[in-house]
Amino acid sequence: MQRNDRALGRGYVARMTLTDDQCWVAMAARDKGAEGRFVACVLTTGIFCRPGCPARTPHRRNVRFLPDARAAMAAGFRPCRRCHPLHAVADVGLATVAALARIIEEAPEETLPLELLAAKAGYSPSHFQRRFRAIVGLSPRDYHSAIRARAYRDALREEPSATAALTRAGYGSTSRVAGTDGPLGALTPTQYRLGGKGMTLNYTTIETAYGPLTLAASERGLAFACFGDHAEAEMREEFPAAHFVAARPDGHALADWTDALAGHLAGNRPDPRLPLDIQGTAFQRLVWNYLTTIPRGETRTYTQVAKAVGRPSAVRAAASACGANNVSFLIPCHRVIRGDGGLGGYRGGLDVKRRLLADETATMF
């Protein structure tokens, strides 16, 4: 399971009682009075901490805030071993599941049968399966698959060959990682290892009514468009080996596109139809194509999206595909909400999603 902003937008932020800025101030001050109001998730280490954690304070750009340990674990983070955030949790089942999730994380190359994990937890296999899924959001098998896939992607960047990476992650053969539903999606191991090598991306950030919008484009089209103060850092994480060229203030290759997007977001121009240069699995592309058909001013639920692309049981995968969208409102994933009417997640922040939907609805009348 990838630990990034895509995994953080699953409806949890909506329950936060503090703003991100307030959380950061409390964390930087190691304010123990903020205990129980949020946990801090560190993208670079994959851990989550209490507000008063004694560990060295990470860089602000690498920290995201969630309301509780349950939300942090569901987003793929593990508890800090210095401040032990689960010790404050009354739910003993959560602490047990956290410990077993850590076992899975520390041995992605091993096969851990459900019966073995259930025995360690002191539950029957069926009860453990339900408990684990309720807390983490995935079955133990699916969670292990996600952790192994992450280990394989990491190994590809570190090992001298794709074969060595395959062995390190515990895959028995290349057939286990092939196909668009595998850990690399539509990319080959070589393409993934390159991490955008050979790509030149022109980028700029413009101010909009919804906050800063960072854009990046290759010679083939727009490859990245995301709202938020941390969007540039996300862009560089998406393409770690790409060559970035900052736009000149006196005119640049993105000038016409940024003008079109700014006009659209200001509400005085129609949806722009810009060329895109995005990569995704076959399933992600099915979802993205469907999103572009949702009319302005209307919404769909994640369940409706899954049914529309012919995979009614793949609701979580549909939500993940929305989160993996690199071009924000151009593929309008903000028009997808939860079945209970909640906003769900949005890479640019729930406030931006709420305002986009409100403005699109307002223009219909």
Protein backbone atom coordinates (compact mmCIF):
# COMPACT_ATOMS: atom_id res chain seq x y z
CA MET A 1 0.00 0.00 0.00
CA GLN A 2 1.62 3.26 -1.03
CA ARG A 3 2.10 5.84 1.68
CA ASN A 4 1.29 9.06 -0.09
CA ASP A 5 -1.38 11.69 -0.41
CA ARG A 6 -3.47 9.46 -2.64
CA ALA A 7 -3.94 7.12 0.25
CA LEU A 8 -4.82 9.91 2.65
CA GLY A 9 -8.00 11.07 1.00
CA ARG A 10 -10.55 8.48 2.01
CA GLY A 11 -12.94 10.53 4.07
CA TYR A 12 -10.87 10.72 7.24
CA VAL A 13 -9.87 14.36 6.93
CA ALA A 14 -13.52 15.34 7.11
CA ARG A 15 -13.53 14.40 10.82
CA MET A 16 -10.53 16.54 11.77
CA THR A 17 -11.30 19.09 14.48
CA LEU A 18 -8.14 21.12 13.81
CA THR A 19 -6.80 22.62 10.62
CA ASP A 20 -3.52 21.33 9.18
CA ASP A 21 -1.79 24.51 10.31
CA GLN A 22 -3.09 24.10 13.86
CA CYS A 23 -1.95 20.46 13.89
CA TRP A 24 1.50 21.48 12.70
CA VAL A 25 1.85 24.12 15.42
CA ALA A 26 0.83 21.57 18.06
CA MET A 27 3.20 18.96 16.68
CA ALA A 28 6.15 21.37 16.43
CA ALA A 29 5.52 22.38 20.07
CA ARG A 30 5.14 18.72 21.12
CA ASP A 31 1.84 19.74 22.68
CA LYS A 32 0.60 16.77 24.71
CA GLY A 33 -2.66 18.63 25.21
CA ALA A 34 -3.48 17.79 21.59
CA GLU A 35 -3.39 14.04 22.31
CA GLY A 36 -6.37 12.29 20.80
CA ARG A 37 -7.19 15.11 18.39
CA PHE A 38 -4.94 13.97 15.53
CA VAL A 39 -1.97 11.83 14.56
CA ALA A 40 0.93 12.99 12.37
CA CYS A 41 1.81 10.79 9.36
CA VAL A 42 5.35 11.09 7.98
CA LEU A 43 5.51 10.29 4.27
CA THR A 44 9.26 9.63 4.16
CA THR A 45 9.31 7.06 6.97
CA GLY A 46 5.80 5.62 6.74
CA ILE A 47 5.11 6.03 10.46
CA PHE A 48 2.49 7.94 12.42
CA CYS A 49 3.05 9.65 15.76
CA ARG A 50 1.32 11.33 18.67
CA PRO A 51 1.40 15.14 18.78
CA GLY A 52 3.93 15.00 21.64
CA CYS A 53 6.33 12.50 20.05
CA PRO A 54 9.92 13.14 21.27
CA ALA A 55 11.45 12.19 17.91
CA ARG A 56 13.04 14.86 15.73
CA THR A 57 10.41 16.97 14.00
CA PRO A 58 10.26 16.11 10.27
CA HIS A 59 10.04 18.65 7.47
CA ARG A 60 6.57 20.16 7.16
CA ARG A 61 6.27 19.13 3.52
CA ASN A 62 6.58 15.46 4.52
CA VAL A 63 3.81 15.49 7.16
CA ARG A 64 0.11 14.86 6.73
CA PHE A 65 -2.46 14.82 9.53
CA LEU A 66 -5.26 12.31 10.19
CA PRO A 67 -7.75 12.19 13.06
CA ASP A 68 -6.74 8.89 14.67
CA ALA A 69 -4.63 5.74 14.55
CA ARG A 70 -7.34 3.80 12.72
CA ALA A 71 -7.28 6.25 9.84
CA ALA A 72 -3.47 6.25 9.74
CA MET A 73 -3.28 2.47 9.56
CA ALA A 74 -5.94 2.32 6.86
CA ALA A 75 -3.79 4.74 4.84
CA GLY A 76 -0.79 2.40 5.12
CA PHE A 77 1.20 3.93 7.99
CA ARG A 78 2.63 2.02 10.97
CA PRO A 79 2.85 3.22 14.59
CA CYS A 80 5.97 5.02 15.85
CA ARG A 81 8.10 2.95 18.21
CA ARG A 82 9.12 6.00 20.25
CA CYS A 83 5.77 7.51 21.17
CA HIS A 84 3.67 4.31 20.77
CA PRO A 85 0.46 6.00 19.54
CA LEU A 86 -1.53 2.78 19.91
CA HIS A 87 -0.97 2.67 23.66
CA ALA A 88 -3.54 5.44 23.97
CA VAL A 89 -6.12 3.37 22.08
CA ALA A 90 -8.72 1.65 24.18
CA ASP A 91 -9.56 -0.74 21.38
CA VAL A 92 -7.31 -3.72 22.11
CA GLY A 93 -8.32 -5.26 18.79
CA LEU A 94 -6.79 -2.31 16.97
CA ALA A 95 -3.46 -2.76 18.75
CA THR A 96 -3.49 -6.49 17.93
CA VAL A 97 -4.20 -5.86 14.28
CA ALA A 98 -1.51 -3.17 14.23
CA ALA A 99 1.05 -5.66 15.55
CA LEU A 100 0.13 -8.24 12.94
CA ALA A 101 0.10 -5.67 10.17
CA ARG A 102 3.66 -4.84 11.23
CA ILE A 103 4.61 -8.53 10.94
CA ILE A 104 3.30 -8.47 7.36
CA GLU A 105 5.19 -5.26 6.62
CA GLU A 106 8.48 -6.60 7.97
CA ALA A 107 8.32 -9.84 5.98
CA PRO A 108 6.69 -9.04 2.61
CA GLU A 109 8.62 -11.86 0.93
CA GLU A 110 7.07 -14.52 3.19
CA THR A 111 3.72 -16.24 2.80
CA LEU A 112 1.67 -15.81 5.97
CA PRO A 113 -1.47 -17.99 5.97
CA LEU A 114 -4.64 -16.54 7.43
CA GLU A 115 -4.75 -19.36 9.99
CA LEU A 116 -1.27 -18.46 11.28
CA LEU A 117 -2.07 -14.77 11.67
CA ALA A 118 -5.41 -15.55 13.34
CA ALA A 119 -3.68 -17.87 15.82
CA LYS A 120 -1.20 -15.12 16.73
CA ALA A 121 -4.14 -12.76 17.33
CA GLY A 122 -6.07 -15.32 19.36
CA TYR A 123 -9.06 -15.17 17.00
CA SER A 124 -10.73 -17.64 14.71
CA PRO A 125 -9.71 -17.14 11.05
CA SER A 126 -13.12 -15.79 10.06
CA HIS A 127 -13.30 -13.35 13.00
CA PHE A 128 -9.73 -12.18 12.41
CA GLN A 129 -10.45 -11.66 8.71
CA ARG A 130 -13.48 -9.47 9.53
CA ARG A 131 -11.61 -7.57 12.25
CA PHE A 132 -8.57 -6.92 10.09
CA ARG A 133 -10.68 -5.73 7.16
CA ALA A 134 -12.77 -3.45 9.40
CA ILE A 135 -9.65 -1.73 10.79
CA VAL A 136 -7.24 -1.73 7.85
CA GLY A 137 -9.74 -1.60 5.01
CA LEU A 138 -8.27 -4.65 3.25
CA SER A 139 -8.21 -8.37 3.90
CA PRO A 140 -4.91 -9.74 5.29
CA ARG A 141 -4.20 -11.30 1.89
CA ASP A 142 -4.83 -8.07 -0.01
CA TYR A 143 -2.79 -6.09 2.52
CA HIS A 144 0.11 -8.52 2.11
CA SER A 145 -0.18 -8.22 -1.67
CA ALA A 146 -0.03 -4.43 -1.41
CA ILE A 147 2.99 -4.55 0.93
CA ARG A 148 4.80 -7.03 -1.34
CA ALA A 149 4.07 -4.88 -4.37
CA ARG A 150 5.53 -1.88 -2.56
CA ALA A 151 8.62 -3.93 -1.62
CA TYR A 152 9.03 -4.94 -5.27
CA ARG A 153 8.83 -1.35 -6.46
CA ASP A 154 11.38 -0.30 -3.84
CA ALA A 155 13.67 -3.19 -4.80
CA LEU A 156 13.55 -2.23 -8.46
CA ARG A 157 15.08 1.11 -7.53
CA GLU A 158 17.78 -0.47 -5.34
CA GLU A 159 18.74 -3.86 -6.80
CA PRO A 160 21.11 -4.24 -9.80
CA SER A 161 18.57 -6.21 -11.85
CA ALA A 162 14.86 -6.86 -12.15
CA THR A 163 15.49 -10.54 -11.33
CA ALA A 164 17.15 -9.61 -8.04
CA ALA A 165 14.22 -7.34 -7.19
CA LEU A 166 11.80 -10.17 -7.99
CA THR A 167 13.61 -12.52 -5.61
CA ARG A 168 13.92 -9.94 -2.84
CA ALA A 169 10.17 -9.28 -2.87
CA GLY A 170 9.38 -12.99 -2.73
CA TYR A 171 7.77 -13.38 -6.14
CA GLY A 172 8.30 -16.85 -7.55
CA SER A 173 8.21 -15.87 -11.21
CA THR A 174 7.69 -12.96 -13.57
CA SER A 175 4.15 -14.17 -14.24
CA ARG A 176 3.24 -13.10 -10.70
CA VAL A 177 3.96 -9.46 -11.48
CA ALA A 178 2.94 -9.26 -15.13
CA GLY A 179 -0.19 -7.57 -16.45
CA THR A 180 -1.91 -4.26 -15.90
CA ASP A 181 -3.25 -5.36 -12.51
CA GLY A 182 0.25 -6.19 -11.24
CA PRO A 183 2.41 -4.05 -8.94
CA LEU A 184 3.71 -1.90 -11.81
CA GLY A 185 0.47 -1.45 -13.71
CA ALA A 186 1.09 -0.90 -17.40
CA LEU A 187 4.83 -0.20 -16.93
CA THR A 188 7.64 -2.69 -17.49
CA PRO A 189 10.27 -3.13 -14.76
CA THR A 190 12.75 -1.16 -16.87
CA GLN A 191 10.33 1.73 -17.32
CA TYR A 192 9.60 1.82 -13.61
CA ARG A 193 13.31 1.77 -12.72
CA LEU A 194 13.82 4.83 -14.90
CA GLY A 195 11.40 6.88 -12.77
CA GLY A 196 10.75 9.38 -15.55
CA LYS A 197 14.35 9.33 -16.80
CA GLY A 198 14.59 10.97 -20.19
CA MET A 199 11.46 13.05 -19.64
CA THR A 200 11.66 16.82 -19.68
CA LEU A 201 8.81 18.45 -17.81
CA ASN A 202 8.11 22.17 -17.99
CA TYR A 203 6.33 23.25 -14.85
CA THR A 204 4.80 26.28 -13.23
CA THR A 205 2.45 27.21 -10.38
CA ILE A 206 -0.42 29.62 -10.89
CA GLU A 207 -2.77 31.21 -8.39
CA THR A 208 -6.45 30.34 -8.76
CA ALA A 209 -9.62 30.90 -6.80
CA TYR A 210 -9.02 27.46 -5.29
CA GLY A 211 -5.44 28.10 -4.24
CA PRO A 212 -2.13 27.39 -5.97
CA LEU A 213 -2.24 25.01 -8.93
CA THR A 214 0.99 23.29 -10.04
CA LEU A 215 1.19 22.16 -13.67
CA ALA A 216 3.81 20.13 -15.53
CA ALA A 217 3.85 19.13 -19.19
CA SER A 218 5.97 16.98 -21.45
CA GLU A 219 6.22 17.47 -25.18
CA ARG A 220 3.18 15.20 -25.55
CA GLY A 221 0.81 16.91 -23.12
CA LEU A 222 -0.05 17.79 -19.56
CA ALA A 223 1.40 15.20 -17.18
CA PHE A 224 0.54 16.77 -13.83
CA ALA A 225 -2.01 19.23 -12.45
CA CYS A 226 -2.67 19.43 -8.73
CA PHE A 227 -3.90 22.01 -6.22
CA GLY A 228 -2.16 22.68 -2.92
CA ASP A 229 0.94 24.09 -1.28
CA HIS A 230 2.71 20.73 -1.46
CA ALA A 231 1.88 19.93 -5.09
CA GLU A 232 5.38 20.63 -6.41
CA ALA A 233 6.87 18.14 -3.93
CA GLU A 234 4.29 15.56 -5.03
CA MET A 235 5.17 16.22 -8.66
CA ARG A 236 8.85 15.50 -8.01
CA GLU A 237 7.94 12.30 -6.15
CA GLU A 238 5.87 11.15 -9.13
CA PHE A 239 8.77 11.69 -11.55
CA PRO A 240 11.96 11.30 -9.46
CA ALA A 241 14.32 10.98 -12.45
CA ALA A 242 12.71 13.52 -14.78
CA HIS A 243 14.40 16.75 -15.81
CA PHE A 244 12.32 19.71 -14.59
CA VAL A 245 12.42 23.10 -16.26
CA ALA A 246 10.83 25.97 -14.35
CA ALA A 247 8.68 28.26 -16.47
CA ARG A 248 10.08 31.71 -17.20
CA PRO A 249 7.99 34.63 -15.93
CA ASP A 250 8.18 36.34 -19.35
CA GLY A 251 6.40 33.59 -21.24
CA HIS A 252 6.85 29.84 -21.51
CA ALA A 253 5.66 26.68 -23.23
CA LEU A 254 2.76 26.33 -20.78
CA ALA A 255 1.53 29.91 -21.18
CA ASP A 256 -1.47 29.14 -23.41
CA TRP A 257 -2.52 26.20 -21.29
CA THR A 258 -2.23 28.05 -17.99
CA ASP A 259 -4.26 30.88 -19.46
CA ALA A 260 -6.99 28.45 -20.55
CA LEU A 261 -7.04 26.73 -17.16
CA ALA A 262 -7.07 30.00 -15.22
CA GLY A 263 -9.98 31.26 -17.28
CA HIS A 264 -11.90 28.04 -16.78
CA LEU A 265 -11.35 28.05 -13.01
CA ALA A 266 -12.40 31.70 -12.84
CA GLY A 267 -15.74 30.59 -14.29
CA ASN A 268 -15.69 32.50 -17.54
CA ARG A 269 -14.48 29.81 -19.95
CA PRO A 270 -15.66 26.28 -20.81
CA ASP A 271 -13.85 23.10 -19.80
CA PRO A 272 -10.45 23.08 -21.52
CA ARG A 273 -9.64 20.14 -23.77
CA LEU A 274 -5.89 19.88 -23.38
CA PRO A 275 -3.62 17.03 -24.54
CA LEU A 276 -2.66 14.74 -21.67
CA ASP A 277 0.43 12.60 -21.08
CA ILE A 278 -0.56 10.26 -18.25
CA GLN A 279 0.19 6.65 -17.44
CA GLY A 280 -2.14 4.20 -15.75
CA THR A 281 -3.25 0.61 -15.60
CA ALA A 282 -5.99 -0.63 -17.91
CA PHE A 283 -8.49 -0.41 -15.05
CA GLN A 284 -7.41 3.10 -14.08
CA ARG A 285 -7.87 4.24 -17.66
CA LEU A 286 -11.36 2.75 -17.73
CA VAL A 287 -12.22 4.74 -14.62
CA TRP A 288 -10.61 7.95 -15.91
CA ASN A 289 -12.43 7.71 -19.24
CA TYR A 290 -15.72 7.29 -17.42
CA LEU A 291 -15.04 10.27 -15.15
CA THR A 292 -14.77 12.54 -18.16
CA THR A 293 -18.36 11.65 -19.08
CA ILE A 294 -19.86 12.84 -15.76
CA PRO A 295 -21.68 16.09 -16.58
CA ARG A 296 -20.72 19.29 -14.86
CA GLY A 297 -22.89 19.84 -11.78
CA GLU A 298 -23.49 16.10 -11.25
CA THR A 299 -21.80 13.54 -9.03
CA ARG A 300 -21.43 9.76 -8.90
CA THR A 301 -20.57 7.44 -6.03
CA TYR A 302 -17.56 5.14 -6.03
CA THR A 303 -20.00 2.22 -6.27
CA GLN A 304 -21.64 3.73 -9.35
CA VAL A 305 -18.24 4.25 -10.95
CA ALA A 306 -17.26 0.62 -10.35
CA LYS A 307 -20.54 -0.59 -11.88
CA ALA A 308 -20.19 1.77 -14.84
CA VAL A 309 -16.81 0.30 -15.83
CA GLY A 310 -18.07 -3.26 -15.53
CA ARG A 311 -16.39 -4.12 -12.19
CA PRO A 312 -19.16 -3.76 -9.59
CA SER A 313 -17.13 -5.44 -6.83
CA ALA A 314 -14.08 -3.22 -7.39
CA VAL A 315 -15.32 -0.23 -5.39
CA ARG A 316 -12.04 0.27 -3.53
CA ALA A 317 -10.08 -0.09 -6.75
CA ALA A 318 -12.28 2.58 -8.32
CA ALA A 319 -11.57 4.89 -5.39
CA SER A 320 -7.85 4.21 -5.73
CA ALA A 321 -8.01 4.98 -9.44
CA CYS A 322 -9.56 8.34 -8.62
CA GLY A 323 -6.75 9.02 -6.17
CA ALA A 324 -4.11 8.02 -8.74
CA ASN A 325 -5.29 10.66 -11.18
CA ASN A 326 -2.40 13.07 -11.81
CA VAL A 327 -4.36 15.76 -13.61
CA SER A 328 -6.87 16.83 -11.00
CA PHE A 329 -10.03 18.47 -12.36
CA LEU A 330 -9.15 17.77 -16.03
CA ILE A 331 -10.16 14.20 -15.27
CA PRO A 332 -12.89 15.25 -12.83
CA CYS A 333 -12.41 12.85 -9.95
CA HIS A 334 -13.83 15.57 -7.68
CA ARG A 335 -17.25 14.59 -9.03
CA VAL A 336 -17.07 11.22 -7.24
CA ILE A 337 -18.33 11.03 -3.65
CA ARG A 338 -19.08 8.38 -1.05
CA GLY A 339 -22.33 6.46 -1.02
CA ASP A 340 -23.41 8.10 2.24
CA GLY A 341 -23.08 11.56 0.70
CA GLY A 342 -19.69 12.31 2.24
CA LEU A 343 -17.08 13.91 0.04
CA GLY A 344 -14.64 11.01 0.19
CA GLY A 345 -11.10 12.03 -0.70
CA TYR A 346 -9.43 14.48 -3.03
CA ARG A 347 -5.78 14.91 -3.78
CA GLY A 348 -6.00 18.69 -3.73
CA GLY A 349 -7.79 18.75 -0.37
CA LEU A 350 -11.42 18.38 0.65
CA ASP A 351 -11.97 22.13 0.85
CA VAL A 352 -11.03 22.47 -2.83
CA LYS A 353 -13.29 19.54 -3.74
CA ARG A 354 -16.21 21.06 -1.84
CA ARG A 355 -15.76 24.43 -3.54
CA LEU A 356 -15.38 22.93 -7.02
CA LEU A 357 -18.61 20.98 -6.63
CA ALA A 358 -20.47 23.97 -5.19
CA ASP A 359 -19.35 26.25 -8.02
CA GLU A 360 -20.17 23.69 -10.70
CA THR A 361 -23.64 23.17 -9.25
CA ALA A 362 -24.23 26.92 -8.98
CA THR A 363 -23.49 27.47 -12.67
CA MET A 364 -26.25 25.01 -13.62
CA PHE A 365 -28.98 27.42 -12.46
